[in-house]
Structures are given as structure tokens and as C-alpha cells.
């Protein structure tokens, strides 16, 4: 009798493990208050590299695009793509966004949600004057509206 009880208990546990709560994919998740609102992040890529280029002839470094237009309270996945020969990072001033030093030919990403409107600096913090990356072409602006 103990053996039958044990087997029934094991079957009940196995059966309970087979019953799962339905899941939705990340791209179809919605909030209860705003039907259809996607919870997935909007992808944005900033590419950094070495200059000079045709559009930035006197500069040592490049950042493209040099301007980003973002929406308030929207989730973003910001990727830094480093096409240069040295390491670079990316900061969006006053939004608390930082992608740490990224090796050449590598990429790194961060998710964030802008919670204030305005125009903010974005730049690489590496290097020292007079060869700091920010004042030598690796800077731009982010506008949140």
C-alpha cells in the first residue's frame, strides 16, 4: 500500500510539472492599462570609429549619428558599435546612461528609459586633452521630447 501511495504521489508531482501557465513572447507583451503597447525596447545604434572622414575631416574620431531623437518614457536598447582601432565608451549626459569601454570591432548595449525632456550631450569619455575623444569628434546630442 505504501508503494502505491508513493507512486501516486510521484505521478501527481510529475503531472503538476506538466501544467504550465501560458506565456507570451517578449514582442507581444502588453500592459493592462494600454492595450497593444509593446514592452520590447526600441533599438538604437551609435557607431564610433576613427577619423578623419569626408564629413569630419579635421577630427580624430567619429560618432554617427551625431544626433538622436528619443521619446519620453520609451524603453530603448542603445548599442555602441565600435569600428575604430581603439577602445571607446558612450555617455549620455544627465540621463544616467553609460556604455563601458568597448574594444575595437566589438559592440555593447544598455537598456534605458528617458524620464525627462531636453537636449543632452552624448560623448566618449576616453582620452586626455588635447587628444580626448570628446573634443576630437566623438560627441553628439540627444533630444528627448
N, C-alpha and C. Protein backbone atom coordinates (compact mmCIF):
# COMPACT_ATOMS: atom_id res chain seq x y z
N UNK A 1 0.82 -1.19 0.00
CA UNK A 1 0.00 0.00 0.00
C UNK A 1 0.86 1.26 0.00
N UNK A 2 1.97 1.23 0.75
CA UNK A 2 2.88 2.38 0.79
C UNK A 2 3.45 2.64 -0.60
N UNK A 3 3.74 1.56 -1.30
CA UNK A 3 4.33 1.70 -2.62
C UNK A 3 3.33 2.36 -3.59
N UNK A 4 2.09 2.00 -3.55
CA UNK A 4 1.06 2.58 -4.40
C UNK A 4 0.88 4.06 -4.07
N UNK A 5 0.86 4.40 -2.79
CA UNK A 5 0.73 5.79 -2.37
C UNK A 5 1.92 6.61 -2.86
N UNK A 6 3.10 6.05 -2.75
CA UNK A 6 4.31 6.72 -3.21
C UNK A 6 4.25 6.96 -4.72
N UNK A 7 3.85 5.95 -5.49
CA UNK A 7 3.76 6.08 -6.94
C UNK A 7 2.71 7.12 -7.34
N UNK A 8 1.60 7.15 -6.63
CA UNK A 8 0.57 8.15 -6.92
C UNK A 8 1.09 9.57 -6.62
N UNK A 9 1.85 9.70 -5.57
CA UNK A 9 2.43 10.99 -5.21
C UNK A 9 3.42 11.44 -6.29
N UNK A 10 4.27 10.53 -6.75
CA UNK A 10 5.23 10.85 -7.81
C UNK A 10 4.50 11.25 -9.08
N UNK A 11 3.44 10.51 -9.45
CA UNK A 11 2.66 10.86 -10.64
C UNK A 11 2.02 12.24 -10.51
N UNK A 12 1.52 12.56 -9.33
CA UNK A 12 0.89 13.87 -9.11
C UNK A 12 1.91 15.00 -9.28
N UNK A 13 3.12 14.80 -8.77
CA UNK A 13 4.18 15.81 -8.89
C UNK A 13 4.58 15.98 -10.35
N UNK A 14 4.76 14.88 -11.07
CA UNK A 14 5.13 14.94 -12.48
C UNK A 14 4.03 15.62 -13.29
N UNK A 15 2.79 15.28 -13.03
CA UNK A 15 1.67 15.88 -13.75
C UNK A 15 1.58 17.37 -13.46
N UNK A 16 1.83 17.76 -12.24
CA UNK A 16 1.77 19.19 -11.89
C UNK A 16 2.85 19.95 -12.63
N UNK A 17 4.00 19.34 -12.85
CA UNK A 17 5.08 19.99 -13.59
C UNK A 17 4.76 20.15 -15.06
N UNK A 18 3.86 19.35 -15.58
CA UNK A 18 3.50 19.43 -16.99
C UNK A 18 2.47 20.51 -17.26
N UNK A 19 1.78 20.97 -16.25
CA UNK A 19 0.80 22.02 -16.41
C UNK A 19 1.50 23.33 -16.15
N UNK A 20 1.60 24.16 -17.17
CA UNK A 20 2.30 25.43 -17.02
C UNK A 20 1.38 26.58 -17.38
N UNK A 21 1.71 27.71 -16.87
CA UNK A 21 0.97 28.92 -17.18
C UNK A 21 1.33 29.35 -18.60
N UNK A 22 0.36 29.74 -19.42
CA UNK A 22 0.67 30.19 -20.77
C UNK A 22 1.61 31.39 -20.73
N UNK A 23 2.55 31.45 -21.68
CA UNK A 23 3.48 32.57 -21.74
C UNK A 23 3.30 33.28 -23.06
N UNK A 24 3.77 34.53 -23.11
CA UNK A 24 3.75 35.30 -24.34
C UNK A 24 5.18 35.67 -24.68
N UNK A 25 5.42 35.89 -25.95
CA UNK A 25 6.78 36.28 -26.34
C UNK A 25 7.02 37.73 -25.94
N UNK A 26 8.28 38.12 -25.84
CA UNK A 26 8.64 39.47 -25.42
C UNK A 26 8.08 40.55 -26.33
N UNK A 27 7.90 40.26 -27.61
CA UNK A 27 7.42 41.29 -28.53
C UNK A 27 5.92 41.48 -28.47
N UNK A 28 5.19 40.56 -27.84
CA UNK A 28 3.75 40.67 -27.80
C UNK A 28 3.22 41.04 -26.42
N UNK A 29 4.09 41.25 -25.47
CA UNK A 29 3.62 41.62 -24.13
C UNK A 29 2.96 42.99 -24.17
N UNK A 30 1.89 43.14 -23.43
CA UNK A 30 1.23 44.43 -23.35
C UNK A 30 0.95 44.74 -21.89
N UNK A 31 0.77 46.01 -21.62
CA UNK A 31 0.42 46.41 -20.27
C UNK A 31 -1.09 46.36 -20.14
N UNK A 32 -1.58 46.22 -18.92
CA UNK A 32 -3.02 46.18 -18.70
C UNK A 32 -3.68 47.51 -18.98
N UNK A 33 -2.97 48.62 -18.80
CA UNK A 33 -3.59 49.93 -18.93
C UNK A 33 -3.57 50.46 -20.36
N UNK A 34 -2.65 49.98 -21.20
CA UNK A 34 -2.58 50.47 -22.57
C UNK A 34 -2.53 49.28 -23.52
N UNK A 35 -3.69 48.80 -23.97
CA UNK A 35 -3.71 47.65 -24.86
C UNK A 35 -2.87 47.90 -26.11
N UNK A 36 -2.08 46.89 -26.49
CA UNK A 36 -1.28 46.98 -27.70
C UNK A 36 0.07 47.65 -27.51
N UNK A 37 0.35 48.21 -26.35
CA UNK A 37 1.62 48.88 -26.11
C UNK A 37 2.71 47.83 -25.95
N UNK A 38 3.72 47.88 -26.80
CA UNK A 38 4.80 46.90 -26.79
C UNK A 38 5.74 47.15 -25.62
N UNK A 39 6.16 46.08 -24.98
CA UNK A 39 7.11 46.18 -23.87
C UNK A 39 8.53 45.95 -24.35
N UNK A 40 8.72 45.69 -25.65
CA UNK A 40 10.07 45.47 -26.14
C UNK A 40 10.75 46.82 -26.38
N UNK A 41 12.06 46.81 -26.26
CA UNK A 41 12.83 48.04 -26.38
C UNK A 41 13.00 48.43 -27.84
N UNK A 42 13.02 49.72 -28.10
CA UNK A 42 13.31 50.26 -29.42
C UNK A 42 14.83 50.27 -29.60
N UNK A 43 15.30 49.66 -30.67
CA UNK A 43 16.75 49.55 -30.90
C UNK A 43 17.29 50.83 -31.51
N UNK A 44 18.41 51.31 -30.95
CA UNK A 44 19.13 52.48 -31.45
C UNK A 44 20.61 52.12 -31.44
N UNK A 45 21.32 52.39 -32.55
CA UNK A 45 22.74 52.08 -32.63
C UNK A 45 23.53 53.35 -32.90
N UNK A 46 24.60 53.53 -32.13
CA UNK A 46 25.55 54.62 -32.36
C UNK A 46 26.87 53.95 -32.72
N UNK A 47 27.44 54.35 -33.85
CA UNK A 47 28.70 53.78 -34.32
C UNK A 47 29.82 54.79 -34.08
N UNK A 48 30.90 54.33 -33.48
CA UNK A 48 32.06 55.18 -33.25
C UNK A 48 33.26 54.58 -33.98
N UNK A 49 34.18 55.45 -34.37
CA UNK A 49 35.34 54.98 -35.10
C UNK A 49 36.41 56.03 -35.20
N UNK A 50 37.32 55.81 -36.12
CA UNK A 50 38.46 56.68 -36.29
C UNK A 50 38.22 57.62 -37.47
N UNK A 51 38.72 58.85 -37.34
CA UNK A 51 38.65 59.82 -38.43
C UNK A 51 40.00 59.89 -39.10
N UNK A 52 40.23 60.85 -39.91
CA UNK A 52 39.19 61.75 -40.41
C UNK A 52 38.33 61.08 -41.48
N UNK A 53 37.15 61.65 -41.69
CA UNK A 53 36.26 61.18 -42.75
C UNK A 53 35.90 62.38 -43.61
N UNK A 54 35.20 62.14 -44.70
CA UNK A 54 34.82 63.23 -45.61
C UNK A 54 33.97 64.28 -44.91
N UNK A 55 33.08 63.84 -44.00
CA UNK A 55 32.20 64.80 -43.33
C UNK A 55 32.80 65.35 -42.04
N UNK A 56 33.88 64.77 -41.55
CA UNK A 56 34.55 65.26 -40.34
C UNK A 56 36.07 65.27 -40.60
N UNK A 57 36.54 66.08 -41.55
CA UNK A 57 37.94 66.00 -41.95
C UNK A 57 38.98 66.30 -40.87
N UNK A 58 38.81 67.30 -40.01
CA UNK A 58 39.90 67.59 -39.08
C UNK A 58 39.87 66.76 -37.80
N UNK A 59 38.88 65.91 -37.63
CA UNK A 59 38.70 65.20 -36.37
C UNK A 59 39.42 63.86 -36.37
N UNK A 60 39.83 63.45 -35.16
CA UNK A 60 40.49 62.16 -34.99
C UNK A 60 39.50 61.02 -34.90
N UNK A 61 38.27 61.32 -34.40
CA UNK A 61 37.28 60.28 -34.12
C UNK A 61 35.93 60.64 -34.73
N UNK A 62 35.06 59.63 -34.89
CA UNK A 62 33.73 59.86 -35.42
C UNK A 62 32.67 59.24 -34.51
N UNK A 63 31.48 59.81 -34.57
CA UNK A 63 30.31 59.30 -33.85
C UNK A 63 29.13 59.50 -34.78
N UNK A 64 28.41 58.41 -35.09
CA UNK A 64 27.32 58.50 -36.04
C UNK A 64 26.15 57.63 -35.59
N UNK A 65 24.94 58.14 -35.59
CA UNK A 65 24.60 59.52 -35.94
C UNK A 65 24.99 60.47 -34.81
N UNK A 66 25.22 61.71 -35.17
CA UNK A 66 25.64 62.71 -34.18
C UNK A 66 24.45 63.27 -33.41
N UNK A 67 23.24 62.98 -33.86
CA UNK A 67 22.05 63.41 -33.13
C UNK A 67 21.06 62.25 -33.04
N UNK A 68 20.46 62.12 -31.88
CA UNK A 68 19.41 61.11 -31.67
C UNK A 68 18.15 61.83 -31.19
N UNK A 69 17.01 61.45 -31.71
CA UNK A 69 15.72 61.97 -31.26
C UNK A 69 14.99 60.82 -30.57
N UNK A 70 14.80 60.95 -29.27
CA UNK A 70 14.15 59.91 -28.47
C UNK A 70 12.84 60.43 -27.90
N UNK A 71 11.97 59.48 -27.52
CA UNK A 71 10.68 59.84 -26.94
C UNK A 71 10.69 59.60 -25.44
N UNK A 72 10.07 60.49 -24.72
CA UNK A 72 9.94 60.41 -23.28
C UNK A 72 9.24 59.12 -22.87
N UNK A 73 9.72 58.49 -21.81
CA UNK A 73 9.12 57.28 -21.22
C UNK A 73 9.01 56.11 -22.19
N UNK A 74 9.94 56.01 -23.12
CA UNK A 74 10.01 54.90 -24.06
C UNK A 74 11.26 54.09 -23.75
N UNK A 75 11.12 52.77 -23.73
CA UNK A 75 12.25 51.90 -23.46
C UNK A 75 13.13 51.78 -24.71
N UNK A 76 14.43 52.02 -24.55
CA UNK A 76 15.39 51.92 -25.65
C UNK A 76 16.47 50.92 -25.32
N UNK A 77 16.95 50.24 -26.36
CA UNK A 77 18.13 49.40 -26.27
C UNK A 77 19.19 50.09 -27.12
N UNK A 78 20.12 50.77 -26.45
CA UNK A 78 21.16 51.54 -27.12
C UNK A 78 22.39 50.66 -27.28
N UNK A 79 22.86 50.52 -28.53
CA UNK A 79 24.05 49.73 -28.82
C UNK A 79 25.16 50.64 -29.29
N UNK A 80 26.32 50.48 -28.71
CA UNK A 80 27.53 51.16 -29.15
C UNK A 80 28.30 50.18 -30.02
N UNK A 81 28.49 50.52 -31.28
CA UNK A 81 29.24 49.68 -32.22
C UNK A 81 30.57 50.37 -32.47
N UNK A 82 31.66 49.72 -32.07
CA UNK A 82 32.98 50.31 -32.19
C UNK A 82 33.68 49.78 -33.44
N UNK A 83 33.83 50.65 -34.44
CA UNK A 83 34.53 50.28 -35.67
C UNK A 83 35.95 50.83 -35.69
N UNK A 84 36.37 51.44 -34.59
CA UNK A 84 37.69 52.06 -34.52
C UNK A 84 38.80 51.08 -34.19
N UNK A 85 40.00 51.64 -34.05
CA UNK A 85 41.19 50.84 -33.73
C UNK A 85 41.48 50.80 -32.24
N UNK A 86 40.78 51.60 -31.46
CA UNK A 86 40.98 51.63 -30.02
C UNK A 86 39.65 51.50 -29.28
N UNK A 87 39.73 51.43 -27.96
CA UNK A 87 38.53 51.31 -27.13
C UNK A 87 37.77 52.64 -27.07
N UNK A 88 36.45 52.55 -26.93
CA UNK A 88 35.59 53.72 -26.79
C UNK A 88 34.44 53.37 -25.85
N UNK A 89 33.91 54.39 -25.18
CA UNK A 89 32.70 54.23 -24.37
C UNK A 89 31.68 55.25 -24.86
N UNK A 90 30.52 55.29 -24.22
CA UNK A 90 29.50 56.26 -24.60
C UNK A 90 28.70 56.65 -23.37
N UNK A 91 28.55 57.95 -23.18
CA UNK A 91 27.78 58.51 -22.07
C UNK A 91 26.73 59.44 -22.65
N UNK A 92 25.52 59.38 -22.10
CA UNK A 92 24.51 60.39 -22.40
C UNK A 92 24.36 61.20 -21.14
N UNK A 93 24.92 62.40 -21.24
CA UNK A 93 24.99 63.31 -20.12
C UNK A 93 23.62 63.54 -19.49
N UNK A 94 23.55 63.49 -18.20
CA UNK A 94 22.37 63.81 -17.38
C UNK A 94 21.19 62.86 -17.53
N UNK A 95 21.33 61.79 -18.32
CA UNK A 95 20.29 60.77 -18.38
C UNK A 95 20.72 59.51 -17.63
N UNK A 96 21.95 59.52 -17.12
CA UNK A 96 22.45 58.38 -16.37
C UNK A 96 22.75 57.16 -17.23
N UNK A 97 23.06 57.39 -18.52
CA UNK A 97 23.32 56.29 -19.44
C UNK A 97 24.82 56.21 -19.70
N UNK A 98 25.38 55.00 -19.52
CA UNK A 98 26.79 54.79 -19.82
C UNK A 98 27.00 53.38 -20.35
N UNK A 99 27.69 53.32 -21.48
CA UNK A 99 28.16 52.05 -22.01
C UNK A 99 29.65 52.04 -21.77
N UNK A 100 30.11 51.06 -21.02
CA UNK A 100 31.52 51.00 -20.62
C UNK A 100 32.43 50.81 -21.82
N UNK A 101 33.71 50.96 -21.57
CA UNK A 101 34.74 50.84 -22.60
C UNK A 101 34.53 49.58 -23.43
N UNK A 102 34.46 49.77 -24.75
CA UNK A 102 34.18 48.70 -25.69
C UNK A 102 35.37 48.53 -26.63
N UNK A 103 35.83 47.32 -26.76
CA UNK A 103 37.02 47.01 -27.56
C UNK A 103 36.76 47.25 -29.05
N UNK A 104 37.84 47.42 -29.83
CA UNK A 104 37.69 47.56 -31.28
C UNK A 104 36.94 46.36 -31.88
N UNK A 105 36.11 46.62 -32.87
CA UNK A 105 35.31 45.61 -33.57
C UNK A 105 34.29 44.92 -32.66
N UNK A 106 33.98 45.51 -31.52
CA UNK A 106 33.00 44.94 -30.59
C UNK A 106 31.81 45.88 -30.44
N UNK A 107 30.77 45.36 -29.83
CA UNK A 107 29.58 46.15 -29.53
C UNK A 107 29.16 45.89 -28.09
N UNK A 108 28.48 46.85 -27.51
CA UNK A 108 27.92 46.71 -26.17
C UNK A 108 26.60 47.46 -26.14
N UNK A 109 25.68 47.01 -25.30
CA UNK A 109 24.35 47.61 -25.25
C UNK A 109 23.90 47.88 -23.83
N UNK A 110 22.95 48.80 -23.71
CA UNK A 110 22.32 49.11 -22.44
C UNK A 110 20.86 49.48 -22.73
N UNK A 111 19.97 49.08 -21.82
CA UNK A 111 18.58 49.49 -21.93
C UNK A 111 18.32 50.62 -20.95
N UNK A 112 17.52 51.60 -21.40
CA UNK A 112 17.18 52.72 -20.53
C UNK A 112 15.89 53.36 -21.04
N UNK A 113 15.26 54.14 -20.16
CA UNK A 113 14.05 54.87 -20.48
C UNK A 113 14.25 56.33 -20.11
N UNK A 114 14.26 57.24 -21.08
CA UNK A 114 14.39 58.66 -20.75
C UNK A 114 13.17 59.13 -19.96
N UNK A 115 13.41 59.76 -18.83
CA UNK A 115 12.31 60.22 -17.97
C UNK A 115 12.25 61.74 -17.85
N UNK A 116 13.05 62.42 -18.67
CA UNK A 116 12.99 63.88 -18.70
C UNK A 116 13.21 64.37 -20.12
N UNK A 117 12.58 65.48 -20.45
CA UNK A 117 12.74 66.05 -21.78
C UNK A 117 13.91 67.02 -21.79
N UNK A 118 14.42 67.29 -22.98
CA UNK A 118 15.52 68.24 -23.13
C UNK A 118 16.53 67.74 -24.13
N UNK A 119 17.62 68.49 -24.25
CA UNK A 119 18.73 68.12 -25.12
C UNK A 119 19.93 67.84 -24.26
N UNK A 120 20.55 66.68 -24.49
CA UNK A 120 21.63 66.19 -23.64
C UNK A 120 22.85 65.83 -24.47
N UNK A 121 24.03 65.99 -23.87
CA UNK A 121 25.27 65.62 -24.54
C UNK A 121 25.46 64.12 -24.51
N UNK A 122 25.99 63.57 -25.62
CA UNK A 122 26.44 62.18 -25.65
C UNK A 122 27.86 62.21 -26.19
N UNK A 123 28.74 61.42 -25.57
CA UNK A 123 30.14 61.51 -25.95
C UNK A 123 30.94 60.34 -25.38
N UNK A 124 32.16 60.20 -25.89
CA UNK A 124 33.12 59.23 -25.37
C UNK A 124 33.95 59.94 -24.31
N UNK A 125 34.14 59.30 -23.17
CA UNK A 125 34.88 59.92 -22.06
C UNK A 125 36.37 59.61 -22.09
N UNK A 126 36.82 58.80 -23.04
CA UNK A 126 38.21 58.35 -23.03
C UNK A 126 39.16 59.40 -23.61
N UNK A 127 40.43 59.23 -23.32
CA UNK A 127 41.46 60.12 -23.82
C UNK A 127 41.69 61.31 -22.90
N UNK A 128 42.81 61.98 -23.12
CA UNK A 128 43.17 63.16 -22.34
C UNK A 128 43.49 64.30 -23.30
N UNK A 129 43.18 65.54 -22.88
CA UNK A 129 43.44 66.72 -23.71
C UNK A 129 44.92 66.75 -24.08
N UNK A 130 45.28 67.10 -25.25
CA UNK A 130 44.42 67.60 -26.33
C UNK A 130 43.86 66.50 -27.22
N UNK A 131 44.11 65.24 -26.90
CA UNK A 131 43.64 64.14 -27.76
C UNK A 131 42.43 63.43 -27.17
N UNK A 132 41.66 64.10 -26.31
CA UNK A 132 40.48 63.45 -25.76
C UNK A 132 39.47 63.21 -26.88
N UNK A 133 38.76 62.12 -26.77
CA UNK A 133 37.87 61.70 -27.84
C UNK A 133 36.70 62.67 -28.03
N UNK A 134 36.19 63.20 -26.93
CA UNK A 134 35.02 64.09 -26.99
C UNK A 134 35.29 65.32 -27.85
N UNK A 135 36.38 66.01 -27.60
CA UNK A 135 36.64 67.25 -28.36
C UNK A 135 37.29 66.99 -29.70
N UNK A 136 37.52 65.74 -30.03
CA UNK A 136 38.10 65.38 -31.32
C UNK A 136 37.14 64.59 -32.18
N UNK A 137 35.83 64.87 -32.04
CA UNK A 137 34.84 64.32 -32.95
C UNK A 137 33.88 63.29 -32.40
N UNK A 138 34.13 62.77 -31.21
CA UNK A 138 33.27 61.71 -30.70
C UNK A 138 32.27 62.30 -29.69
N UNK A 139 31.39 63.17 -30.24
CA UNK A 139 30.38 63.83 -29.41
C UNK A 139 29.16 64.11 -30.25
N UNK A 140 28.00 64.15 -29.59
CA UNK A 140 26.75 64.46 -30.27
C UNK A 140 25.70 64.88 -29.28
N UNK A 141 24.46 64.97 -29.73
CA UNK A 141 23.35 65.42 -28.91
C UNK A 141 22.20 64.42 -28.96
N UNK A 142 21.49 64.32 -27.84
CA UNK A 142 20.28 63.50 -27.73
C UNK A 142 19.15 64.44 -27.33
N UNK A 143 18.08 64.44 -28.11
CA UNK A 143 16.92 65.25 -27.77
C UNK A 143 15.79 64.31 -27.38
N UNK A 144 15.22 64.54 -26.21
CA UNK A 144 14.10 63.76 -25.71
C UNK A 144 12.86 64.65 -25.70
N UNK A 145 11.81 64.21 -26.39
CA UNK A 145 10.57 65.02 -26.42
C UNK A 145 9.37 64.15 -26.10
